[in-house]
């Protein structure tokens, strides 16, 4: 299991303070992949640049796919660019992997429904591992979930030191989520203005 998989399970099972769309989740999952790749020695951060390291297998198909997609020639990709590029449709990919373990039928297109679906909380090794990390208030998982408005009810673990790469990636994820929400708001305002033109006498 990987941090993105654990984050997906937490997102499906723990209430959020706001609506979490697939776009939000995809950006956070891309950030989770980065942190796992750093931990595996597949890449290192140079400020906000992703510097590829040794090409190695992590044992996870999607994470290996992420590592293989790294830009390996200077100028290297920024964290922000990675989040938007790699994050495109990423939630669907991880939901697909989860469905292979606990089939729920149709949830790939409507993942939010699974938050109210008993099948989303079906017991499985992956769910137990994610729950164990969440119960332990693991800083990386808690930080990524918090970016999605999913708050850890306990303050236990809040004093744990957080590694600099984690802080850097979490800041970039939060910035990307803020930008995504701003785009949504702008489109909403533009759509309302367009509708008002047609409603006008």
C-alpha atoms as a PDB file:
ATOM      1  CA  UNK A   1       0.000   0.000   0.000  1.00  0.00           C
ATOM      2  CA  UNK A   2       1.058   3.582  -0.661  1.00  0.00           C
ATOM      3  CA  UNK A   3       0.228   7.013   0.716  1.00  0.00           C
ATOM      4  CA  UNK A   4      -2.053   7.837  -2.258  1.00  0.00           C
ATOM      5  CA  UNK A   5      -4.034   4.640  -1.656  1.00  0.00           C
ATOM      6  CA  UNK A   6      -4.291   5.393   2.054  1.00  0.00           C
ATOM      7  CA  UNK A   7      -5.375   8.965   1.322  1.00  0.00           C
ATOM      8  CA  UNK A   8      -8.107   7.752  -1.026  1.00  0.00           C
ATOM      9  CA  UNK A   9      -9.493   5.411   1.645  1.00  0.00           C
ATOM     10  CA  UNK A  10      -9.458   8.189   4.249  1.00  0.00           C
ATOM     11  CA  UNK A  11     -11.202  10.523   1.772  1.00  0.00           C
ATOM     12  CA  UNK A  12     -13.902   7.915   1.207  1.00  0.00           C
ATOM     13  CA  UNK A  13     -14.518   7.198   4.869  1.00  0.00           C
ATOM     14  CA  UNK A  14     -13.807  10.304   6.945  1.00  0.00           C
ATOM     15  CA  UNK A  15     -16.176  13.312   6.710  1.00  0.00           C
ATOM     16  CA  UNK A  16     -14.816  16.477   5.150  1.00  0.00           C
ATOM     17  CA  UNK A  17     -15.653  20.066   6.064  1.00  0.00           C
ATOM     18  CA  UNK A  18     -16.324  20.785   2.384  1.00  0.00           C
ATOM     19  CA  UNK A  19     -17.233  19.041  -0.837  1.00  0.00           C
ATOM     20  CA  UNK A  20     -14.260  17.190  -2.261  1.00  0.00           C
ATOM     21  CA  UNK A  21     -14.363  16.826  -6.022  1.00  0.00           C
ATOM     22  CA  UNK A  22     -12.283  14.458  -8.101  1.00  0.00           C
ATOM     23  CA  UNK A  23     -10.103  17.388  -9.171  1.00  0.00           C
ATOM     24  CA  UNK A  24      -9.250  18.188  -5.539  1.00  0.00           C
ATOM     25  CA  UNK A  25      -8.565  14.557  -4.761  1.00  0.00           C
ATOM     26  CA  UNK A  26      -6.423  14.117  -7.879  1.00  0.00           C
ATOM     27  CA  UNK A  27      -4.159  17.024  -6.914  1.00  0.00           C
ATOM     28  CA  UNK A  28      -3.739  15.671  -3.394  1.00  0.00           C
ATOM     29  CA  UNK A  29      -3.009  12.176  -4.724  1.00  0.00           C
ATOM     30  CA  UNK A  30      -0.318  13.583  -7.008  1.00  0.00           C
ATOM     31  CA  UNK A  31       1.236  15.247  -3.972  1.00  0.00           C
ATOM     32  CA  UNK A  32       1.062  11.955  -2.059  1.00  0.00           C
ATOM     33  CA  UNK A  33       2.878  10.229  -4.927  1.00  0.00           C
ATOM     34  CA  UNK A  34       5.673  12.804  -4.753  1.00  0.00           C
ATOM     35  CA  UNK A  35       6.203  12.193  -1.053  1.00  0.00           C
ATOM     36  CA  UNK A  36       6.319   8.428  -1.536  1.00  0.00           C
ATOM     37  CA  UNK A  37       8.791   8.828  -4.405  1.00  0.00           C
ATOM     38  CA  UNK A  38      11.009  11.037  -2.245  1.00  0.00           C
ATOM     39  CA  UNK A  39      10.827   8.461   0.541  1.00  0.00           C
ATOM     40  CA  UNK A  40      11.764   5.699  -1.917  1.00  0.00           C
ATOM     41  CA  UNK A  41      14.772   7.653  -3.207  1.00  0.00           C
ATOM     42  CA  UNK A  42      13.290   7.938  -6.699  1.00  0.00           C
ATOM     43  CA  UNK A  43      13.531  11.726  -6.598  1.00  0.00           C
ATOM     44  CA  UNK A  44      14.766  14.588  -4.445  1.00  0.00           C
ATOM     45  CA  UNK A  45      13.535  18.136  -4.052  1.00  0.00           C
ATOM     46  CA  UNK A  46      15.752  21.074  -4.924  1.00  0.00           C
ATOM     47  CA  UNK A  47      13.647  23.932  -3.633  1.00  0.00           C
ATOM     48  CA  UNK A  48      10.512  23.412  -5.767  1.00  0.00           C
ATOM     49  CA  UNK A  49      12.217  21.373  -8.497  1.00  0.00           C
ATOM     50  CA  UNK A  50      11.832  17.593  -8.836  1.00  0.00           C
ATOM     51  CA  UNK A  51      15.303  16.125  -9.335  1.00  0.00           C
ATOM     52  CA  UNK A  52      15.071  12.484 -10.448  1.00  0.00           C
ATOM     53  CA  UNK A  53      17.208   9.916  -8.676  1.00  0.00           C
ATOM     54  CA  UNK A  54      17.784   6.250  -9.375  1.00  0.00           C
ATOM     55  CA  UNK A  55      15.239   4.474 -11.522  1.00  0.00           C
ATOM     56  CA  UNK A  56      13.911   1.745  -9.270  1.00  0.00           C
ATOM     57  CA  UNK A  57      10.750  -0.205  -8.682  1.00  0.00           C
ATOM     58  CA  UNK A  58       8.609   0.681  -5.691  1.00  0.00           C
ATOM     59  CA  UNK A  59       6.506  -2.455  -5.992  1.00  0.00           C
ATOM     60  CA  UNK A  60       3.387  -0.447  -6.813  1.00  0.00           C
ATOM     61  CA  UNK A  61       2.142  -0.085 -10.384  1.00  0.00           C
ATOM     62  CA  UNK A  62       0.814   3.473 -10.170  1.00  0.00           C
ATOM     63  CA  UNK A  63       3.765   4.717  -8.158  1.00  0.00           C
ATOM     64  CA  UNK A  64       6.191   3.169 -10.652  1.00  0.00           C
ATOM     65  CA  UNK A  65       4.201   4.828 -13.429  1.00  0.00           C
ATOM     66  CA  UNK A  66       4.596   8.143 -11.614  1.00  0.00           C
ATOM     67  CA  UNK A  67       8.342   7.637 -11.241  1.00  0.00           C
ATOM     68  CA  UNK A  68       8.705   6.737 -14.901  1.00  0.00           C
ATOM     69  CA  UNK A  69       6.940   9.961 -15.900  1.00  0.00           C
ATOM     70  CA  UNK A  70       9.470  12.223 -14.153  1.00  0.00           C
ATOM     71  CA  UNK A  71      11.250  14.782 -16.335  1.00  0.00           C
ATOM     72  CA  UNK A  72      14.843  13.509 -16.300  1.00  0.00           C
ATOM     73  CA  UNK A  73      16.590  16.320 -18.162  1.00  0.00           C
ATOM     74  CA  UNK A  74      17.075  19.913 -16.959  1.00  0.00           C
ATOM     75  CA  UNK A  75      15.201  22.148 -16.592  1.00  0.00           C
ATOM     76  CA  UNK A  76      13.406  19.867 -14.184  1.00  0.00           C
ATOM     77  CA  UNK A  77       9.702  20.060 -13.497  1.00  0.00           C
ATOM     78  CA  UNK A  78       8.372  22.116 -10.606  1.00  0.00           C
ATOM     79  CA  UNK A  79       6.118  20.634  -7.947  1.00  0.00           C
ATOM     80  CA  UNK A  80       3.273  22.825  -9.183  1.00  0.00           C
ATOM     81  CA  UNK A  81       3.661  21.648 -12.780  1.00  0.00           C
ATOM     82  CA  UNK A  82       3.764  18.024 -11.612  1.00  0.00           C
ATOM     83  CA  UNK A  83       0.583  18.367  -9.573  1.00  0.00           C
ATOM     84  CA  UNK A  84      -1.386  19.687 -12.547  1.00  0.00           C
ATOM     85  CA  UNK A  85       0.113  17.296 -15.093  1.00  0.00           C
ATOM     86  CA  UNK A  86       0.191  14.091 -13.079  1.00  0.00           C
ATOM     87  CA  UNK A  87      -3.009  14.924 -11.233  1.00  0.00           C
ATOM     88  CA  UNK A  88      -5.139  14.939 -14.372  1.00  0.00           C
ATOM     89  CA  UNK A  89      -7.649  12.102 -13.851  1.00  0.00           C
ATOM     90  CA  UNK A  90      -5.513  10.524 -11.122  1.00  0.00           C
ATOM     91  CA  UNK A  91      -8.421   9.939  -8.746  1.00  0.00           C
ATOM     92  CA  UNK A  92     -10.056   7.684 -11.342  1.00  0.00           C
ATOM     93  CA  UNK A  93      -6.901   5.592 -11.591  1.00  0.00           C
ATOM     94  CA  UNK A  94      -6.648   5.052  -7.836  1.00  0.00           C
ATOM     95  CA  UNK A  95     -10.367   4.356  -7.501  1.00  0.00           C
ATOM     96  CA  UNK A  96      -9.910   1.712 -10.168  1.00  0.00           C
ATOM     97  CA  UNK A  97      -7.168   0.023  -8.149  1.00  0.00           C
ATOM     98  CA  UNK A  98      -9.312   0.107  -5.016  1.00  0.00           C
ATOM     99  CA  UNK A  99     -12.252  -1.375  -6.899  1.00  0.00           C
ATOM    100  CA  UNK A 100     -10.074  -4.321  -7.924  1.00  0.00           C
ATOM    101  CA  UNK A 101      -9.771  -5.204  -4.242  1.00  0.00           C
ATOM    102  CA  UNK A 102     -13.318  -4.307  -3.148  1.00  0.00           C
ATOM    103  CA  UNK A 103     -15.584  -4.146  -6.228  1.00  0.00           C
ATOM    104  CA  UNK A 104     -18.454  -1.690  -5.804  1.00  0.00           C
ATOM    105  CA  UNK A 105     -19.689  -1.238  -9.361  1.00  0.00           C
ATOM    106  CA  UNK A 106     -20.160   2.173 -10.959  1.00  0.00           C
ATOM    107  CA  UNK A 107     -18.258   4.069  -8.290  1.00  0.00           C
ATOM    108  CA  UNK A 108     -15.424   4.937 -10.635  1.00  0.00           C
ATOM    109  CA  UNK A 109     -17.550   7.596 -12.290  1.00  0.00           C
ATOM    110  CA  UNK A 110     -19.349   8.689  -9.141  1.00  0.00           C
ATOM    111  CA  UNK A 111     -16.806   8.308  -6.377  1.00  0.00           C
ATOM    112  CA  UNK A 112     -18.522  10.727  -4.013  1.00  0.00           C
ATOM    113  CA  UNK A 113     -21.464   8.352  -3.709  1.00  0.00           C
ATOM    114  CA  UNK A 114     -19.152   5.819  -2.143  1.00  0.00           C
ATOM    115  CA  UNK A 115     -18.765   8.024   0.893  1.00  0.00           C
ATOM    116  CA  UNK A 116     -22.354   7.112   1.738  1.00  0.00           C
ATOM    117  CA  UNK A 117     -22.160   3.568   0.371  1.00  0.00           C
ATOM    118  CA  UNK A 118     -21.607   0.723   2.872  1.00  0.00           C
ATOM    119  CA  UNK A 119     -19.296  -0.888   0.322  1.00  0.00           C
ATOM    120  CA  UNK A 120     -16.920   2.045   0.734  1.00  0.00           C
ATOM    121  CA  UNK A 121     -16.245   0.958   4.299  1.00  0.00           C
ATOM    122  CA  UNK A 122     -15.934  -2.757   3.553  1.00  0.00           C
ATOM    123  CA  UNK A 123     -13.135  -4.311   5.575  1.00  0.00           C
ATOM    124  CA  UNK A 124      -9.968  -5.093   3.647  1.00  0.00           C
ATOM    125  CA  UNK A 125      -6.200  -5.169   4.277  1.00  0.00           C
ATOM    126  CA  UNK A 126      -5.788  -1.822   2.523  1.00  0.00           C
ATOM    127  CA  UNK A 127      -8.537  -0.193   4.583  1.00  0.00           C
ATOM    128  CA  UNK A 128      -7.046  -1.540   7.821  1.00  0.00           C
ATOM    129  CA  UNK A 129      -3.634  -0.164   6.923  1.00  0.00           C
ATOM    130  CA  UNK A 130      -5.054   3.255   6.036  1.00  0.00           C
ATOM    131  CA  UNK A 131      -7.050   3.303   9.269  1.00  0.00           C
ATOM    132  CA  UNK A 132      -3.945   2.374  11.264  1.00  0.00           C
ATOM    133  CA  UNK A 133      -2.003   5.294   9.770  1.00  0.00           C
ATOM    134  CA  UNK A 134      -4.924   7.637  10.370  1.00  0.00           C
ATOM    135  CA  UNK A 135      -5.330   6.446  13.973  1.00  0.00           C
ATOM    136  CA  UNK A 136      -1.605   6.995  14.519  1.00  0.00           C
ATOM    137  CA  UNK A 137      -1.992  10.591  13.247  1.00  0.00           C
ATOM    138  CA  UNK A 138       0.789  10.021  10.728  1.00  0.00           C
ATOM    139  CA  UNK A 139       1.880  13.568   9.728  1.00  0.00           C
ATOM    140  CA  UNK A 140       2.046  13.022   5.952  1.00  0.00           C
ATOM    141  CA  UNK A 141      -1.396  11.421   5.719  1.00  0.00           C
ATOM    142  CA  UNK A 142      -2.949  13.910   8.141  1.00  0.00           C
ATOM    143  CA  UNK A 143      -1.425  16.854   6.260  1.00  0.00           C
ATOM    144  CA  UNK A 144      -2.726  15.684   2.887  1.00  0.00           C
ATOM    145  CA  UNK A 145      -6.171  14.952   4.304  1.00  0.00           C
ATOM    146  CA  UNK A 146      -6.263  18.369   5.970  1.00  0.00           C
ATOM    147  CA  UNK A 147      -5.658  19.991   2.583  1.00  0.00           C
ATOM    148  CA  UNK A 148      -8.923  18.348   1.476  1.00  0.00           C
ATOM    149  CA  UNK A 149     -10.786  19.641   4.521  1.00  0.00           C
ATOM    150  CA  UNK A 150     -10.610  16.264   6.285  1.00  0.00           C
ATOM    151  CA  UNK A 151      -9.559  17.058   9.807  1.00  0.00           C
ATOM    152  CA  UNK A 152      -7.902  14.772  12.323  1.00  0.00           C
ATOM    153  CA  UNK A 153     -10.159  14.946  15.388  1.00  0.00           C
ATOM    154  CA  UNK A 154      -7.274  14.388  17.792  1.00  0.00           C
ATOM    155  CA  UNK A 155      -4.359  16.702  18.381  1.00  0.00           C
ATOM    156  CA  UNK A 156      -2.129  13.747  19.168  1.00  0.00           C
ATOM    157  CA  UNK A 157       0.885  13.781  16.899  1.00  0.00           C
ATOM    158  CA  UNK A 158       0.622  17.496  16.154  1.00  0.00           C
ATOM    159  CA  UNK A 159       4.002  18.014  17.810  1.00  0.00           C
ATOM    160  CA  UNK A 160       5.740  15.480  15.574  1.00  0.00           C
ATOM    161  CA  UNK A 161       8.470  16.980  13.427  1.00  0.00           C
ATOM    162  CA  UNK A 162       7.522  17.228   9.786  1.00  0.00           C
ATOM    163  CA  UNK A 163      10.286  16.743   7.208  1.00  0.00           C
ATOM    164  CA  UNK A 164      11.057  19.669   4.919  1.00  0.00           C
ATOM    165  CA  UNK A 165      10.022  17.839   1.700  1.00  0.00           C
ATOM    166  CA  UNK A 166       6.643  17.151   3.305  1.00  0.00           C
ATOM    167  CA  UNK A 167       6.172  20.801   4.233  1.00  0.00           C
ATOM    168  CA  UNK A 168       7.161  21.909   0.723  1.00  0.00           C
ATOM    169  CA  UNK A 169       4.844  19.472  -1.059  1.00  0.00           C
ATOM    170  CA  UNK A 170       1.920  20.141   1.284  1.00  0.00           C
ATOM    171  CA  UNK A 171       2.270  23.886   0.683  1.00  0.00           C
ATOM    172  CA  UNK A 172       2.212  23.294  -3.085  1.00  0.00           C
ATOM    173  CA  UNK A 173      -0.853  21.040  -2.800  1.00  0.00           C
ATOM    174  CA  UNK A 174      -2.691  23.685  -0.779  1.00  0.00           C
ATOM    175  CA  UNK A 175      -1.776  26.366  -3.318  1.00  0.00           C
ATOM    176  CA  UNK A 176      -3.008  24.186  -6.196  1.00  0.00           C
ATOM    177  CA  UNK A 177      -6.286  23.445  -4.412  1.00  0.00           C
ATOM    178  CA  UNK A 178      -6.787  27.165  -3.774  1.00  0.00           C
ATOM    179  CA  UNK A 179      -6.144  27.877  -7.457  1.00  0.00           C
ATOM    180  CA  UNK A 180      -8.588  25.151  -8.510  1.00  0.00           C
ATOM    181  CA  UNK A 181     -11.293  26.600  -6.285  1.00  0.00           C
ATOM    182  CA  UNK A 182     -10.642  30.081  -7.682  1.00  0.00           C
ATOM    183  CA  UNK A 183     -11.099  28.730 -11.209  1.00  0.00           C
ATOM    184  CA  UNK A 184     -14.380  27.105 -10.170  1.00  0.00           C
ATOM    185  CA  UNK A 185     -15.637  30.331  -8.629  1.00  0.00           C
ATOM    186  CA  UNK A 186     -14.682  32.342 -11.705  1.00  0.00           C
ATOM    187  CA  UNK A 187     -16.483  29.902 -13.995  1.00  0.00           C
ATOM    188  CA  UNK A 188     -19.530  29.973 -11.752  1.00  0.00           C
ATOM    189  CA  UNK A 189     -19.659  33.769 -11.881  1.00  0.00           C
ATOM    190  CA  UNK A 190     -19.164  33.763 -15.652  1.00  0.00           C
ATOM    191  CA  UNK A 191     -21.911  31.164 -16.135  1.00  0.00           C
ATOM    192  CA  UNK A 192     -24.310  33.130 -13.953  1.00  0.00           C
ATOM    193  CA  UNK A 193     -23.577  36.309 -15.887  1.00  0.00           C
ATOM    194  CA  UNK A 194     -24.208  34.474 -19.169  1.00  0.00           C
ATOM    195  CA  UNK A 195     -27.500  33.070 -17.855  1.00  0.00           C
ATOM    196  CA  UNK A 196     -28.605  36.527 -16.724  1.00  0.00           C
ATOM    197  CA  UNK A 197     -28.047  37.902 -20.219  1.00  0.00           C
ATOM    198  CA  UNK A 198     -30.499  35.363 -21.616  1.00  0.00           C
ATOM    199  CA  UNK A 199     -33.009  35.910 -18.827  1.00  0.00           C
ATOM    200  CA  UNK A 200     -33.029  39.667 -19.323  1.00  0.00           C
ATOM    201  CA  UNK A 201     -36.246  41.004 -20.974  1.00  0.00           C
END
